[in-house]
């Protein structure tokens, strides 16, 4: 997993936070918590834009507050560039289930029609979301925090 070192912060994860309306923010977070109402993402500057104002750089160092109930999901990723090419579903459900003996296979259908299939160790509607680990071997996603309000349907698969 690609880690970005930021002074003064111990645990950092590369994330893509996707909003209900299609917006997204990519960067590093050091303070995500599944019980929190918000966390911060420090956008990683794109290499294409070489000219940066001091104000933009200062805002980047502070991070952008992301309110979890406004999101569809938070993708914890290996790389912010993502995987090149289309997603393949071949062999998707034939993962080694011995590793995930205590986990449940789920299919999440979001309000916008996107579908996610993965493993979870359970979920409770009393919480604001739950983690899913994708089944796809070549996925760029390490884990995904699904926000309940964004899910249209959650099916337990066998």
Protein backbone atom coordinates (compact mmCIF):
# COMPACT_ATOMS: atom_id res chain seq x y z
CA UNK A 1 0.00 0.00 0.00
CA UNK A 2 1.25 3.44 -0.89
CA UNK A 3 1.81 5.60 2.20
CA UNK A 4 2.40 9.32 2.15
CA UNK A 5 4.49 10.68 5.01
CA UNK A 6 3.16 13.82 6.66
CA UNK A 7 5.01 15.34 9.59
CA UNK A 8 3.22 15.04 12.93
CA UNK A 9 0.77 12.30 11.91
CA UNK A 10 1.27 8.63 12.68
CA UNK A 11 -1.36 6.68 10.72
CA UNK A 12 -2.15 7.80 7.20
CA UNK A 13 -4.27 6.14 4.56
CA UNK A 14 -4.81 6.93 0.90
CA UNK A 15 -8.52 7.51 0.38
CA UNK A 16 -11.08 8.45 -2.21
CA UNK A 17 -14.18 9.93 -0.58
CA UNK A 18 -17.18 9.77 -2.93
CA UNK A 19 -20.20 11.99 -2.35
CA UNK A 20 -23.82 11.20 -3.24
CA UNK A 21 -23.78 13.86 -5.96
CA UNK A 22 -20.77 12.37 -7.79
CA UNK A 23 -18.09 14.67 -6.38
CA UNK A 24 -15.00 13.05 -4.96
CA UNK A 25 -11.89 14.02 -3.07
CA UNK A 26 -8.65 12.06 -3.24
CA UNK A 27 -5.84 12.29 -0.74
CA UNK A 28 -4.51 11.21 2.62
CA UNK A 29 -6.43 10.90 5.88
CA UNK A 30 -4.99 10.47 9.32
CA UNK A 31 -8.12 10.83 11.45
CA UNK A 32 -10.90 8.67 9.96
CA UNK A 33 -13.02 6.84 12.49
CA UNK A 34 -16.15 4.85 11.68
CA UNK A 35 -17.93 6.39 14.68
CA UNK A 36 -16.97 9.99 13.84
CA UNK A 37 -19.27 12.37 11.99
CA UNK A 38 -16.39 13.90 10.01
CA UNK A 39 -12.70 13.44 9.18
CA UNK A 40 -10.08 15.32 7.16
CA UNK A 41 -8.56 14.58 3.78
CA UNK A 42 -5.34 16.26 2.74
CA UNK A 43 -5.53 16.39 -1.05
CA UNK A 44 -2.43 15.08 -2.79
CA UNK A 45 -1.41 17.67 -5.40
CA UNK A 46 -1.69 16.58 -9.00
CA UNK A 47 1.63 16.63 -10.82
CA UNK A 48 0.15 18.44 -13.82
CA UNK A 49 -0.40 21.71 -11.94
CA UNK A 50 3.06 23.02 -11.17
CA UNK A 51 1.93 26.55 -10.29
CA UNK A 52 0.54 26.70 -6.77
CA UNK A 53 -0.42 29.69 -4.72
CA UNK A 54 0.64 29.92 -1.07
CA UNK A 55 -3.03 30.01 -0.05
CA UNK A 56 -3.77 26.76 -1.92
CA UNK A 57 -0.73 25.05 -0.39
CA UNK A 58 -1.74 26.18 3.13
CA UNK A 59 -5.29 24.82 2.61
CA UNK A 60 -3.87 21.53 1.39
CA UNK A 61 -1.72 21.14 4.51
CA UNK A 62 -4.73 21.74 6.78
CA UNK A 63 -6.95 19.31 4.91
CA UNK A 64 -10.56 19.40 3.85
CA UNK A 65 -13.26 18.44 6.33
CA UNK A 66 -15.38 15.58 4.99
CA UNK A 67 -18.76 14.95 6.65
CA UNK A 68 -19.48 11.22 6.57
CA UNK A 69 -23.32 11.36 6.26
CA UNK A 70 -22.86 13.36 3.02
CA UNK A 71 -20.86 10.52 1.46
CA UNK A 72 -21.69 7.43 -0.54
CA UNK A 73 -18.54 5.60 0.56
CA UNK A 74 -14.90 6.03 1.54
CA UNK A 75 -12.49 3.93 -0.50
CA UNK A 76 -9.19 3.07 1.19
CA UNK A 77 -6.93 2.49 -1.80
CA UNK A 78 -3.50 1.22 -2.81
CA UNK A 79 -2.99 4.07 -5.28
CA UNK A 80 -4.80 7.33 -6.00
CA UNK A 81 -4.35 6.74 -9.73
CA UNK A 82 -6.60 3.69 -9.58
CA UNK A 83 -6.45 0.65 -11.78
CA UNK A 84 -6.21 1.09 -15.52
CA UNK A 85 -8.83 -0.65 -17.62
CA UNK A 86 -12.28 -2.04 -16.88
CA UNK A 87 -13.20 -4.06 -13.82
CA UNK A 88 -13.32 -7.79 -14.45
CA UNK A 89 -15.89 -9.96 -12.74
CA UNK A 90 -14.36 -13.27 -13.83
CA UNK A 91 -13.59 -15.35 -10.75
CA UNK A 92 -15.07 -12.71 -8.48
CA UNK A 93 -17.04 -15.06 -6.27
CA UNK A 94 -14.49 -17.88 -6.21
CA UNK A 95 -12.24 -16.24 -3.62
CA UNK A 96 -10.68 -18.40 -0.94
CA UNK A 97 -13.39 -18.42 1.69
CA UNK A 98 -11.26 -20.25 4.29
CA UNK A 99 -9.46 -16.97 4.93
CA UNK A 100 -12.76 -15.21 5.58
CA UNK A 101 -14.47 -17.91 7.66
CA UNK A 102 -16.08 -15.41 10.03
CA UNK A 103 -17.00 -12.93 7.30
CA UNK A 104 -20.20 -12.64 5.28
CA UNK A 105 -20.31 -12.17 1.53
CA UNK A 106 -22.47 -9.14 0.69
CA UNK A 107 -23.71 -7.25 -2.32
CA UNK A 108 -24.32 -3.55 -1.77
CA UNK A 109 -26.45 -1.70 -4.29
CA UNK A 110 -26.09 2.04 -3.92
CA UNK A 111 -28.86 4.60 -4.55
CA UNK A 112 -27.14 5.52 -7.85
CA UNK A 113 -27.21 1.89 -9.09
CA UNK A 114 -23.52 1.06 -8.55
CA UNK A 115 -22.99 -2.42 -7.08
CA UNK A 116 -20.21 -3.60 -4.80
CA UNK A 117 -19.54 -7.24 -3.84
CA UNK A 118 -17.25 -8.08 -0.96
CA UNK A 119 -16.81 -9.50 2.50
CA UNK A 120 -17.83 -7.92 5.80
CA UNK A 121 -17.53 -9.03 9.39
CA UNK A 122 -21.03 -7.75 10.00
CA UNK A 123 -22.96 -4.55 10.20
CA UNK A 124 -25.52 -2.87 12.38
CA UNK A 125 -28.09 -0.35 11.18
CA UNK A 126 -27.49 1.45 14.47
CA UNK A 127 -24.15 2.63 13.10
CA UNK A 128 -23.58 5.03 10.20
CA UNK A 129 -21.79 2.48 8.02
CA UNK A 130 -19.67 -0.65 7.76
CA UNK A 131 -16.52 -1.94 6.08
CA UNK A 132 -16.44 -4.18 3.02
CA UNK A 133 -13.33 -5.84 1.62
CA UNK A 134 -13.68 -6.33 -2.15
CA UNK A 135 -13.48 -9.87 -3.55
CA UNK A 136 -11.79 -8.77 -6.73
CA UNK A 137 -8.13 -9.89 -6.52
CA UNK A 138 -6.82 -7.04 -8.69
CA UNK A 139 -8.87 -4.33 -6.97
CA UNK A 140 -7.21 -1.03 -6.14
CA UNK A 141 -9.48 -0.89 -3.07
CA UNK A 142 -8.12 -2.29 0.18
CA UNK A 143 -11.40 -1.75 2.02
CA UNK A 144 -14.48 0.39 1.60
CA UNK A 145 -16.53 2.11 4.28
CA UNK A 146 -20.12 2.00 3.01
CA UNK A 147 -22.38 4.74 4.40
CA UNK A 148 -25.80 3.21 5.16
CA UNK A 149 -27.77 6.20 3.88
CA UNK A 150 -26.23 5.71 0.43
CA UNK A 151 -27.14 2.01 0.22
CA UNK A 152 -30.39 1.10 -1.51
CA UNK A 153 -30.02 -2.64 -0.81
CA UNK A 154 -27.67 -4.91 1.13
CA UNK A 155 -27.92 -8.61 0.28
CA UNK A 156 -26.19 -11.47 2.11
CA UNK A 157 -24.78 -13.87 -0.50
CA UNK A 158 -23.95 -17.54 -0.05
